[in-house]
Amino acid sequence: MDKIFFNILCIIFKIGCKITTFFAYVQIFLYFCRNLCNCGIVRLKSDVNIKNRRASFDYEILERYVAGIQLFGTEIKSIRENKASLVDTYCQFVGNELWVKQMHIAEYRFGSYANHEAKRSRKLLMTRKELRKLDKQVKDTGKTIIPLRLFINERGLAKMEIALCQGKHTYDKRQALRAADDKREIQRALKL
């Protein structure tokens, strides 16, 4: 996008147009770019990044995966407004499908009678190979699957980063707190 803008500016300067017409061309170009973004031809990077901060404290993360989510239209609109929470969220197998439970997505403010439920189960979209591998590890070793992050990728699709985790004991949590405090003190010392 920047290269296109730069090339258009170079062409306008080579023509030798006046400053006022130059700014008119820039306004037309920016209007054109905004319309491309609104109709879905060009996507800008999204700033949606909803994290489960408690997960790394309560669980030891073993493997990470990225999965798609099956959502309603009002749900994706709420997620784009950062109106979602991953607190107390977990994943569970129902049959051969992986579902995320207890994920809160606020109702869309402009939604009508067709608005979604805030805390409903949502299906995660992964390959069969990944699902079989996760299912085997959860059943055999007693590990759990926890959502770590909810984000929108460059194509505008909602994705969820999930992790195969093992619960930490209390002494492990204390060690993690101690390590975080030590790291913080080292950062403070380096600043001085």
N, C-alpha and C. Protein backbone atom coordinates (compact mmCIF):
# COMPACT_ATOMS: atom_id res chain seq x y z
N MET A 1 0.84 -1.19 0.00
CA MET A 1 0.00 0.00 0.00
C MET A 1 0.88 1.25 0.00
N ASP A 2 1.98 1.20 0.79
CA ASP A 2 2.88 2.35 0.85
C ASP A 2 3.58 2.57 -0.48
N LYS A 3 3.96 1.47 -1.16
CA LYS A 3 4.63 1.60 -2.45
C LYS A 3 3.70 2.23 -3.48
N ILE A 4 2.44 1.83 -3.47
CA ILE A 4 1.47 2.40 -4.40
C ILE A 4 1.32 3.90 -4.15
N PHE A 5 1.20 4.26 -2.88
CA PHE A 5 1.04 5.67 -2.51
C PHE A 5 2.27 6.46 -2.93
N PHE A 6 3.47 5.92 -2.69
CA PHE A 6 4.72 6.59 -3.04
C PHE A 6 4.82 6.76 -4.56
N ASN A 7 4.46 5.72 -5.32
CA ASN A 7 4.52 5.81 -6.78
C ASN A 7 3.56 6.87 -7.32
N ILE A 8 2.38 6.95 -6.75
CA ILE A 8 1.42 7.96 -7.20
C ILE A 8 1.94 9.35 -6.89
N LEU A 9 2.54 9.53 -5.70
CA LEU A 9 3.10 10.84 -5.35
C LEU A 9 4.24 11.22 -6.31
N CYS A 10 5.09 10.25 -6.66
CA CYS A 10 6.19 10.53 -7.60
C CYS A 10 5.65 10.94 -8.97
N ILE A 11 4.64 10.26 -9.43
CA ILE A 11 4.05 10.59 -10.73
C ILE A 11 3.47 12.00 -10.71
N ILE A 12 2.79 12.33 -9.61
CA ILE A 12 2.19 13.67 -9.52
C ILE A 12 3.28 14.73 -9.51
N PHE A 13 4.39 14.48 -8.79
CA PHE A 13 5.47 15.47 -8.76
C PHE A 13 6.16 15.59 -10.11
N LYS A 14 6.30 14.47 -10.85
CA LYS A 14 6.93 14.52 -12.16
C LYS A 14 6.10 15.33 -13.15
N ILE A 15 4.78 15.27 -12.99
CA ILE A 15 3.92 16.05 -13.88
C ILE A 15 4.12 17.53 -13.62
N GLY A 16 4.47 17.87 -12.41
CA GLY A 16 4.72 19.26 -12.08
C GLY A 16 3.45 20.02 -11.78
N CYS A 17 2.54 19.40 -11.11
CA CYS A 17 1.27 20.05 -10.81
C CYS A 17 1.45 21.03 -9.66
N LYS A 18 0.50 21.89 -9.50
CA LYS A 18 0.53 22.88 -8.44
C LYS A 18 0.24 22.22 -7.10
N ILE A 19 0.57 22.90 -6.04
CA ILE A 19 0.39 22.37 -4.70
C ILE A 19 -1.09 22.10 -4.41
N THR A 20 -1.96 22.98 -4.80
CA THR A 20 -3.38 22.79 -4.50
C THR A 20 -3.93 21.56 -5.20
N THR A 21 -3.56 21.37 -6.44
CA THR A 21 -4.05 20.18 -7.13
C THR A 21 -3.40 18.91 -6.58
N PHE A 22 -2.16 19.05 -6.10
CA PHE A 22 -1.50 17.91 -5.47
C PHE A 22 -2.29 17.43 -4.26
N PHE A 23 -2.71 18.36 -3.41
CA PHE A 23 -3.48 17.97 -2.24
C PHE A 23 -4.85 17.41 -2.62
N ALA A 24 -5.41 17.87 -3.70
CA ALA A 24 -6.67 17.31 -4.17
C ALA A 24 -6.48 15.86 -4.60
N TYR A 25 -5.36 15.58 -5.30
CA TYR A 25 -5.06 14.20 -5.70
C TYR A 25 -4.83 13.31 -4.48
N VAL A 26 -4.16 13.83 -3.48
CA VAL A 26 -3.91 13.05 -2.26
C VAL A 26 -5.23 12.71 -1.58
N GLN A 27 -6.15 13.70 -1.51
CA GLN A 27 -7.45 13.44 -0.89
C GLN A 27 -8.23 12.39 -1.66
N ILE A 28 -8.19 12.43 -2.97
CA ILE A 28 -8.88 11.44 -3.79
C ILE A 28 -8.28 10.06 -3.55
N PHE A 29 -6.96 9.99 -3.50
CA PHE A 29 -6.29 8.71 -3.27
C PHE A 29 -6.66 8.14 -1.90
N LEU A 30 -6.66 8.96 -0.86
CA LEU A 30 -7.01 8.48 0.49
C LEU A 30 -8.46 8.03 0.54
N TYR A 31 -9.35 8.74 -0.14
CA TYR A 31 -10.75 8.33 -0.20
C TYR A 31 -10.88 6.96 -0.86
N PHE A 32 -10.12 6.76 -1.94
CA PHE A 32 -10.13 5.48 -2.65
C PHE A 32 -9.63 4.36 -1.75
N CYS A 33 -8.57 4.60 -1.00
CA CYS A 33 -8.02 3.58 -0.09
C CYS A 33 -9.01 3.23 1.01
N ARG A 34 -9.68 4.24 1.57
CA ARG A 34 -10.66 3.98 2.63
C ARG A 34 -11.81 3.12 2.10
N ASN A 35 -12.25 3.38 0.89
CA ASN A 35 -13.34 2.59 0.32
C ASN A 35 -12.90 1.16 0.07
N LEU A 36 -11.66 0.95 -0.35
CA LEU A 36 -11.16 -0.41 -0.53
C LEU A 36 -11.16 -1.16 0.79
N CYS A 37 -10.77 -0.47 1.87
CA CYS A 37 -10.72 -1.13 3.18
C CYS A 37 -12.13 -1.45 3.67
N ASN A 38 -13.08 -0.57 3.41
CA ASN A 38 -14.44 -0.78 3.90
C ASN A 38 -15.15 -1.91 3.17
N CYS A 39 -14.86 -2.11 1.89
CA CYS A 39 -15.58 -3.14 1.14
C CYS A 39 -14.88 -4.49 1.23
N GLY A 40 -13.76 -4.59 1.93
CA GLY A 40 -13.14 -5.88 2.17
C GLY A 40 -12.09 -6.29 1.16
N ILE A 41 -11.77 -5.43 0.19
CA ILE A 41 -10.75 -5.78 -0.78
C ILE A 41 -9.37 -5.72 -0.13
N VAL A 42 -9.11 -4.67 0.62
CA VAL A 42 -7.85 -4.51 1.33
C VAL A 42 -8.14 -4.52 2.82
N ARG A 43 -7.38 -5.29 3.58
CA ARG A 43 -7.57 -5.35 5.02
C ARG A 43 -6.39 -4.70 5.72
N LEU A 44 -6.69 -3.88 6.69
CA LEU A 44 -5.64 -3.31 7.52
C LEU A 44 -5.38 -4.23 8.69
N LYS A 45 -4.21 -4.12 9.29
CA LYS A 45 -3.88 -4.97 10.43
C LYS A 45 -4.80 -4.65 11.59
N SER A 46 -5.33 -5.70 12.20
CA SER A 46 -6.27 -5.53 13.29
C SER A 46 -5.52 -5.42 14.61
N ASP A 47 -6.08 -4.67 15.55
CA ASP A 47 -5.45 -4.53 16.86
C ASP A 47 -6.17 -5.37 17.92
N VAL A 48 -6.98 -6.32 17.49
CA VAL A 48 -7.68 -7.20 18.43
C VAL A 48 -6.69 -8.26 18.92
N ASN A 49 -6.46 -8.28 20.21
CA ASN A 49 -5.55 -9.25 20.80
C ASN A 49 -6.00 -9.46 22.26
N ILE A 50 -6.94 -10.37 22.45
CA ILE A 50 -7.51 -10.63 23.77
C ILE A 50 -6.77 -11.81 24.37
N LYS A 51 -6.17 -11.61 25.54
CA LYS A 51 -5.31 -12.63 26.14
C LYS A 51 -5.93 -13.21 27.39
N ASN A 52 -5.54 -14.45 27.69
CA ASN A 52 -5.88 -15.12 28.94
C ASN A 52 -4.63 -15.04 29.80
N ARG A 53 -4.50 -14.00 30.62
CA ARG A 53 -3.28 -13.77 31.38
C ARG A 53 -3.09 -14.79 32.50
N ARG A 54 -4.18 -15.34 32.96
CA ARG A 54 -4.12 -16.29 34.07
C ARG A 54 -3.57 -17.65 33.64
N ALA A 55 -3.64 -17.96 32.36
CA ALA A 55 -3.27 -19.29 31.88
C ALA A 55 -1.81 -19.62 32.15
N SER A 56 -0.90 -18.70 31.88
CA SER A 56 0.52 -19.00 32.08
C SER A 56 0.87 -19.09 33.55
N PHE A 57 0.06 -18.51 34.41
CA PHE A 57 0.30 -18.60 35.85
C PHE A 57 -0.21 -19.91 36.42
N ASP A 58 -1.38 -20.35 35.98
CA ASP A 58 -2.00 -21.56 36.52
C ASP A 58 -1.54 -22.85 35.85
N TYR A 59 -1.04 -22.75 34.61
CA TYR A 59 -0.72 -23.95 33.83
C TYR A 59 0.69 -23.87 33.24
N GLU A 60 1.28 -25.02 33.07
CA GLU A 60 2.53 -25.14 32.33
C GLU A 60 2.17 -25.44 30.89
N ILE A 61 2.56 -24.57 29.98
CA ILE A 61 2.17 -24.69 28.58
C ILE A 61 3.13 -25.64 27.86
N LEU A 62 2.58 -26.69 27.26
CA LEU A 62 3.40 -27.71 26.60
C LEU A 62 3.44 -27.53 25.09
N GLU A 63 2.29 -27.38 24.45
CA GLU A 63 2.21 -27.20 22.99
C GLU A 63 1.18 -26.14 22.67
N ARG A 64 1.43 -25.40 21.60
CA ARG A 64 0.50 -24.35 21.17
C ARG A 64 -0.05 -24.68 19.79
N TYR A 65 -1.32 -24.30 19.59
CA TYR A 65 -2.00 -24.50 18.31
C TYR A 65 -2.81 -23.25 17.99
N VAL A 66 -3.07 -23.03 16.71
CA VAL A 66 -3.96 -21.95 16.29
C VAL A 66 -5.17 -22.59 15.63
N ALA A 67 -6.36 -22.20 16.09
CA ALA A 67 -7.61 -22.77 15.58
C ALA A 67 -8.55 -21.66 15.16
N GLY A 68 -9.37 -21.94 14.18
CA GLY A 68 -10.44 -21.03 13.79
C GLY A 68 -11.62 -21.22 14.72
N ILE A 69 -12.55 -20.29 14.72
CA ILE A 69 -13.74 -20.38 15.57
C ILE A 69 -14.98 -20.20 14.69
N GLN A 70 -15.99 -20.99 14.98
CA GLN A 70 -17.26 -20.86 14.28
C GLN A 70 -18.10 -19.84 15.04
N LEU A 71 -18.38 -18.69 14.41
CA LEU A 71 -19.06 -17.58 15.08
C LEU A 71 -20.26 -17.11 14.29
N PHE A 72 -21.18 -16.43 14.99
CA PHE A 72 -22.28 -15.72 14.35
C PHE A 72 -21.79 -14.34 13.94
N GLY A 73 -22.57 -13.65 13.11
CA GLY A 73 -22.18 -12.32 12.63
C GLY A 73 -22.05 -11.29 13.74
N THR A 74 -22.97 -11.33 14.71
CA THR A 74 -22.89 -10.35 15.79
C THR A 74 -21.71 -10.64 16.72
N GLU A 75 -21.28 -11.90 16.78
CA GLU A 75 -20.14 -12.24 17.63
C GLU A 75 -18.83 -11.68 17.07
N ILE A 76 -18.63 -11.81 15.77
CA ILE A 76 -17.40 -11.29 15.17
C ILE A 76 -17.37 -9.77 15.25
N LYS A 77 -18.52 -9.14 15.17
CA LYS A 77 -18.57 -7.68 15.29
C LYS A 77 -18.21 -7.25 16.71
N SER A 78 -18.65 -7.99 17.71
CA SER A 78 -18.28 -7.68 19.09
C SER A 78 -16.80 -7.93 19.33
N ILE A 79 -16.25 -8.97 18.74
CA ILE A 79 -14.82 -9.25 18.90
C ILE A 79 -13.99 -8.14 18.28
N ARG A 80 -14.43 -7.63 17.13
CA ARG A 80 -13.69 -6.53 16.50
C ARG A 80 -13.71 -5.26 17.35
N GLU A 81 -14.69 -5.16 18.26
CA GLU A 81 -14.74 -4.04 19.20
C GLU A 81 -14.05 -4.38 20.53
N ASN A 82 -13.31 -5.50 20.58
CA ASN A 82 -12.61 -5.97 21.79
C ASN A 82 -13.56 -6.25 22.95
N LYS A 83 -14.75 -6.74 22.68
CA LYS A 83 -15.74 -7.00 23.71
C LYS A 83 -15.83 -8.50 24.01
N ALA A 84 -14.68 -9.12 24.30
CA ALA A 84 -14.66 -10.54 24.62
C ALA A 84 -13.72 -10.78 25.79
N SER A 85 -13.93 -11.90 26.47
CA SER A 85 -13.11 -12.24 27.63
C SER A 85 -12.83 -13.74 27.63
N LEU A 86 -11.60 -14.10 28.00
CA LEU A 86 -11.19 -15.50 28.07
C LEU A 86 -11.03 -15.98 29.51
N VAL A 87 -11.57 -15.25 30.47
CA VAL A 87 -11.47 -15.63 31.87
C VAL A 87 -12.31 -16.89 32.11
N ASP A 88 -11.75 -17.88 32.80
CA ASP A 88 -12.41 -19.16 33.11
C ASP A 88 -12.84 -19.93 31.87
N THR A 89 -12.14 -19.77 30.77
CA THR A 89 -12.47 -20.45 29.53
C THR A 89 -11.66 -21.74 29.43
N TYR A 90 -12.27 -22.77 28.91
CA TYR A 90 -11.58 -24.04 28.70
C TYR A 90 -12.12 -24.70 27.45
N CYS A 91 -11.40 -25.72 26.96
CA CYS A 91 -11.81 -26.45 25.77
C CYS A 91 -12.15 -27.88 26.15
N GLN A 92 -13.12 -28.45 25.45
CA GLN A 92 -13.59 -29.79 25.76
C GLN A 92 -13.98 -30.50 24.47
N PHE A 93 -13.67 -31.80 24.42
CA PHE A 93 -14.07 -32.60 23.26
C PHE A 93 -15.49 -33.09 23.45
N VAL A 94 -16.30 -32.92 22.41
CA VAL A 94 -17.65 -33.48 22.35
C VAL A 94 -17.69 -34.29 21.07
N GLY A 95 -17.66 -35.61 21.22
CA GLY A 95 -17.52 -36.47 20.05
C GLY A 95 -16.11 -36.33 19.52
N ASN A 96 -16.00 -36.02 18.24
CA ASN A 96 -14.68 -35.79 17.64
C ASN A 96 -14.41 -34.31 17.40
N GLU A 97 -15.22 -33.45 18.00
CA GLU A 97 -15.08 -32.01 17.80
C GLU A 97 -14.59 -31.34 19.07
N LEU A 98 -13.83 -30.26 18.89
CA LEU A 98 -13.32 -29.50 20.02
C LEU A 98 -14.16 -28.24 20.18
N TRP A 99 -14.68 -28.03 21.39
CA TRP A 99 -15.53 -26.88 21.68
C TRP A 99 -14.89 -26.03 22.76
N VAL A 100 -15.03 -24.72 22.64
CA VAL A 100 -14.56 -23.82 23.69
C VAL A 100 -15.78 -23.45 24.54
N LYS A 101 -15.63 -23.58 25.86
CA LYS A 101 -16.73 -23.37 26.80
C LYS A 101 -16.47 -22.14 27.66
N GLN A 102 -17.53 -21.50 28.08
CA GLN A 102 -17.49 -20.36 29.00
C GLN A 102 -16.78 -19.12 28.46
N MET A 103 -16.62 -19.01 27.14
CA MET A 103 -16.03 -17.80 26.58
C MET A 103 -17.11 -16.73 26.49
N HIS A 104 -16.82 -15.57 27.03
CA HIS A 104 -17.80 -14.48 27.06
C HIS A 104 -17.54 -13.53 25.90
N ILE A 105 -18.51 -13.40 25.03
CA ILE A 105 -18.50 -12.38 23.98
C ILE A 105 -19.73 -11.52 24.20
N ALA A 106 -19.53 -10.26 24.50
CA ALA A 106 -20.65 -9.36 24.81
C ALA A 106 -21.60 -9.25 23.63
N GLU A 107 -22.86 -9.02 23.94
CA GLU A 107 -23.85 -8.85 22.86
C GLU A 107 -23.51 -7.60 22.06
N TYR A 108 -23.72 -7.69 20.76
CA TYR A 108 -23.43 -6.57 19.87
C TYR A 108 -24.44 -5.46 20.13
N ARG A 109 -23.94 -4.25 20.30
CA ARG A 109 -24.83 -3.15 20.73
C ARG A 109 -25.86 -2.77 19.67
N PHE A 110 -25.55 -3.00 18.38
CA PHE A 110 -26.52 -2.69 17.33
C PHE A 110 -27.28 -3.94 16.89
N GLY A 111 -27.10 -5.04 17.61
CA GLY A 111 -27.79 -6.28 17.27
C GLY A 111 -29.28 -6.18 17.57
N SER A 112 -30.06 -6.89 16.81
CA SER A 112 -31.51 -6.85 16.99
C SER A 112 -31.95 -8.11 17.73
N TYR A 113 -33.11 -8.60 17.38
CA TYR A 113 -33.63 -9.82 18.00
C TYR A 113 -32.73 -11.03 17.71
N ALA A 114 -31.89 -10.95 16.67
CA ALA A 114 -31.04 -12.07 16.28
C ALA A 114 -29.67 -12.03 16.96
N ASN A 115 -29.56 -11.28 18.07
CA ASN A 115 -28.29 -11.20 18.78
C ASN A 115 -27.94 -12.54 19.40
N HIS A 116 -26.69 -12.78 19.70
CA HIS A 116 -26.21 -14.06 20.21
C HIS A 116 -26.24 -14.10 21.75
N GLU A 117 -26.13 -15.31 22.29
CA GLU A 117 -25.97 -15.47 23.74
C GLU A 117 -24.53 -15.12 24.09
N ALA A 118 -24.32 -14.51 25.25
CA ALA A 118 -22.98 -14.07 25.61
C ALA A 118 -22.04 -15.24 25.92
N LYS A 119 -22.53 -16.23 26.67
CA LYS A 119 -21.67 -17.36 27.06
C LYS A 119 -22.21 -18.66 26.49
N ARG A 120 -21.97 -18.89 25.23
CA ARG A 120 -22.40 -20.15 24.63
C ARG A 120 -21.17 -20.93 24.20
N SER A 121 -21.32 -22.21 23.95
CA SER A 121 -20.22 -23.04 23.48
C SER A 121 -19.99 -22.74 22.00
N ARG A 122 -18.72 -22.65 21.63
CA ARG A 122 -18.37 -22.36 20.24
C ARG A 122 -17.40 -23.42 19.72
N LYS A 123 -17.62 -23.83 18.49
CA LYS A 123 -16.81 -24.90 17.90
C LYS A 123 -15.48 -24.35 17.40
N LEU A 124 -14.40 -25.07 17.69
CA LEU A 124 -13.08 -24.72 17.18
C LEU A 124 -12.81 -25.51 15.91
N LEU A 125 -12.20 -24.86 14.94
CA LEU A 125 -11.95 -25.47 13.64
C LEU A 125 -10.47 -25.80 13.49
N MET A 126 -10.18 -27.11 13.49
CA MET A 126 -8.80 -27.58 13.35
C MET A 126 -8.78 -28.78 12.41
N THR A 127 -7.60 -29.19 12.00
CA THR A 127 -7.50 -30.36 11.13
C THR A 127 -7.75 -31.63 11.95
N ARG A 128 -8.16 -32.69 11.26
CA ARG A 128 -8.44 -33.96 11.95
C ARG A 128 -7.21 -34.51 12.65
N LYS A 129 -6.08 -34.34 12.01
CA LYS A 129 -4.82 -34.84 12.56
C LYS A 129 -4.52 -34.16 13.90
N GLU A 130 -4.67 -32.85 13.94
CA GLU A 130 -4.43 -32.11 15.20
C GLU A 130 -5.45 -32.50 16.25
N LEU A 131 -6.71 -32.66 15.85
CA LEU A 131 -7.75 -33.03 16.81
C LEU A 131 -7.50 -34.41 17.40
N ARG A 132 -7.10 -35.37 16.57
CA ARG A 132 -6.81 -36.72 17.08
C ARG A 132 -5.64 -36.70 18.05
N LYS A 133 -4.62 -35.94 17.72
CA LYS A 133 -3.44 -35.85 18.58
C LYS A 133 -3.79 -35.24 19.94
N LEU A 134 -4.56 -34.15 19.90
CA LEU A 134 -4.98 -33.50 21.15
C LEU A 134 -5.88 -34.41 21.98
N ASP A 135 -6.84 -35.06 21.32
CA ASP A 135 -7.77 -35.94 22.02
C ASP A 135 -7.02 -37.07 22.73
N LYS A 136 -6.05 -37.65 22.04
CA LYS A 136 -5.27 -38.74 22.62
C LYS A 136 -4.49 -38.26 23.85
N GLN A 137 -3.87 -37.09 23.75
CA GLN A 137 -3.08 -36.59 24.87
C GLN A 137 -3.94 -36.20 26.06
N VAL A 138 -5.12 -35.67 25.79
CA VAL A 138 -6.02 -35.28 26.89
C VAL A 138 -6.55 -36.51 27.61
N LYS A 139 -6.93 -37.54 26.85
CA LYS A 139 -7.48 -38.75 27.46
C LYS A 139 -6.42 -39.58 28.18
N ASP A 140 -5.25 -39.72 27.57
CA ASP A 140 -4.22 -40.60 28.13
C ASP A 140 -3.51 -40.01 29.34
N THR A 141 -3.10 -38.77 29.26
CA THR A 141 -2.23 -38.22 30.29
C THR A 141 -2.91 -37.25 31.25
N GLY A 142 -4.16 -36.94 31.03
CA GLY A 142 -4.86 -36.05 31.96
C GLY A 142 -4.48 -34.59 31.83
N LYS A 143 -4.02 -34.20 30.66
CA LYS A 143 -3.71 -32.79 30.42
C LYS A 143 -4.99 -32.08 30.01
N THR A 144 -4.92 -30.77 29.92
CA THR A 144 -6.10 -29.99 29.55
C THR A 144 -5.76 -29.01 28.43
N ILE A 145 -6.79 -28.51 27.77
CA ILE A 145 -6.62 -27.56 26.67
C ILE A 145 -7.20 -26.22 27.11
N ILE A 146 -6.36 -25.19 27.07
CA ILE A 146 -6.75 -23.86 27.55
C ILE A 146 -6.55 -22.84 26.42
N PRO A 147 -7.53 -21.95 26.20
CA PRO A 147 -7.33 -20.86 25.24
C PRO A 147 -6.37 -19.82 25.80
N LEU A 148 -5.40 -19.40 25.00
CA LEU A 148 -4.43 -18.40 25.43
C LEU A 148 -4.73 -17.02 24.88
N ARG A 149 -5.18 -16.97 23.62
CA ARG A 149 -5.30 -15.67 22.96
C ARG A 149 -6.37 -15.74 21.89
N LEU A 150 -7.11 -14.67 21.74
CA LEU A 150 -8.12 -14.52 20.69
C LEU A 150 -7.70 -13.33 19.85
N PHE A 151 -7.57 -13.53 18.54
CA PHE A 151 -7.11 -12.45 17.68
C PHE A 151 -7.76 -12.55 16.32
N ILE A 152 -7.60 -11.49 15.53
CA ILE A 152 -8.09 -11.47 14.15
C ILE A 152 -6.87 -11.42 13.24
N ASN A 153 -6.77 -12.39 12.32
CA ASN A 153 -5.59 -12.45 11.45
C ASN A 153 -5.66 -11.41 10.34
N GLU A 154 -4.66 -11.43 9.46
CA GLU A 154 -4.58 -10.41 8.39
C GLU A 154 -5.69 -10.54 7.36
N ARG A 155 -6.34 -11.71 7.28
CA ARG A 155 -7.46 -11.89 6.35
C ARG A 155 -8.79 -11.50 6.97
N GLY A 156 -8.79 -11.09 8.24
CA GLY A 156 -10.01 -10.65 8.90
C GLY A 156 -10.78 -11.78 9.57
N LEU A 157 -10.16 -12.94 9.75
CA LEU A 157 -10.82 -14.08 10.38
C LEU A 157 -10.44 -14.18 11.85
N ALA A 158 -11.40 -14.54 12.69
CA ALA A 158 -11.13 -14.71 14.11
C ALA A 158 -10.41 -16.03 14.33
N LYS A 159 -9.33 -15.98 15.07
CA LYS A 159 -8.54 -17.17 15.38
C LYS A 159 -8.31 -17.21 16.88
N MET A 160 -8.10 -18.44 17.39
CA MET A 160 -7.83 -18.60 18.81
C MET A 160 -6.57 -19.44 18.96
N GLU A 161 -5.65 -18.94 19.77
CA GLU A 161 -4.46 -19.72 20.09
C GLU A 161 -4.77 -20.53 21.33
N ILE A 162 -4.68 -21.86 21.20
CA ILE A 162 -4.95 -22.73 22.32
C ILE A 162 -3.67 -23.47 22.68
N ALA A 163 -3.63 -24.02 23.88
CA ALA A 163 -2.43 -24.72 24.32
C ALA A 163 -2.80 -25.98 25.07
N LEU A 164 -1.99 -27.00 24.87
CA LEU A 164 -2.08 -28.21 25.67
C LEU A 164 -1.29 -27.92 26.94
N CYS A 165 -1.95 -28.02 28.09
CA CYS A 165 -1.36 -27.57 29.35
C CYS A 165 -1.42 -28.65 30.42
N GLN A 166 -0.57 -28.46 31.39
CA GLN A 166 -0.59 -29.30 32.58
C GLN A 166 -0.65 -28.36 33.78
N GLY A 167 -1.52 -28.67 34.73
CA GLY A 167 -1.70 -27.81 35.89
C GLY A 167 -0.45 -27.69 36.74
N LYS A 168 -0.21 -26.49 37.28
CA LYS A 168 0.92 -26.26 38.17
C LYS A 168 0.51 -26.50 39.61
N HIS A 169 1.46 -26.94 40.42
CA HIS A 169 1.22 -27.05 41.86
C HIS A 169 1.47 -25.69 42.50
N THR A 170 1.09 -25.56 43.77
CA THR A 170 1.25 -24.26 44.45
C THR A 170 2.70 -23.83 44.53
N TYR A 171 3.62 -24.77 44.76
CA TYR A 171 5.02 -24.38 44.86
C TYR A 171 5.57 -23.93 43.51
N ASP A 172 5.04 -24.49 42.43
CA ASP A 172 5.44 -24.02 41.10
C ASP A 172 4.99 -22.59 40.87
N LYS A 173 3.78 -22.26 41.34
CA LYS A 173 3.26 -20.90 41.19
C LYS A 173 4.11 -19.92 41.98
N ARG A 174 4.53 -20.34 43.18
CA ARG A 174 5.40 -19.47 44.00
C ARG A 174 6.72 -19.22 43.30
N GLN A 175 7.28 -20.27 42.70
CA GLN A 175 8.53 -20.11 41.96
C GLN A 175 8.35 -19.15 40.78
N ALA A 176 7.22 -19.25 40.11
CA ALA A 176 6.96 -18.36 38.97
C ALA A 176 6.85 -16.91 39.45
N LEU A 177 6.18 -16.68 40.61
CA LEU A 177 6.08 -15.33 41.17
C LEU A 177 7.46 -14.80 41.55
N ARG A 178 8.27 -15.67 42.17
CA ARG A 178 9.61 -15.27 42.59
C ARG A 178 10.46 -14.90 41.36
N ALA A 179 10.36 -15.69 40.30
CA ALA A 179 11.12 -15.41 39.07
C ALA A 179 10.67 -14.09 38.44
N ALA A 180 9.37 -13.82 38.45
CA ALA A 180 8.86 -12.56 37.90
C ALA A 180 9.34 -11.38 38.73
N ASP A 181 9.35 -11.52 40.06
CA ASP A 181 9.86 -10.44 40.93
C ASP A 181 11.34 -10.18 40.69
N ASP A 182 12.11 -11.25 40.56
CA ASP A 182 13.54 -11.10 40.28
C ASP A 182 13.78 -10.39 38.96
N LYS A 183 13.01 -10.78 37.95
CA LYS A 183 13.15 -10.15 36.64
C LYS A 183 12.81 -8.66 36.71
N ARG A 184 11.76 -8.33 37.46
CA ARG A 184 11.35 -6.94 37.64
C ARG A 184 12.44 -6.13 38.34
N GLU A 185 13.05 -6.71 39.37
CA GLU A 185 14.12 -6.01 40.10
C GLU A 185 15.34 -5.79 39.22
N ILE A 186 15.67 -6.77 38.38
CA ILE A 186 16.81 -6.61 37.46
C ILE A 186 16.52 -5.49 36.48
N GLN A 187 15.29 -5.42 35.96
CA GLN A 187 14.92 -4.34 35.03
C GLN A 187 15.02 -2.97 35.69
N ARG A 188 14.58 -2.88 36.95
CA ARG A 188 14.67 -1.62 37.70
C ARG A 188 16.14 -1.22 37.89
N ALA A 189 16.97 -2.18 38.24
CA ALA A 189 18.40 -1.90 38.46
C ALA A 189 19.08 -1.43 37.17
N LEU A 190 18.68 -2.03 36.05
CA LEU A 190 19.28 -1.62 34.77
C LEU A 190 18.84 -0.21 34.36
N LYS A 191 17.64 0.19 34.77
CA LYS A 191 17.15 1.53 34.43
C LYS A 191 17.93 2.61 35.17
N LEU A 192 18.34 2.32 36.39
CA LEU A 192 19.08 3.30 37.21
C LEU A 192 20.49 3.34 36.73
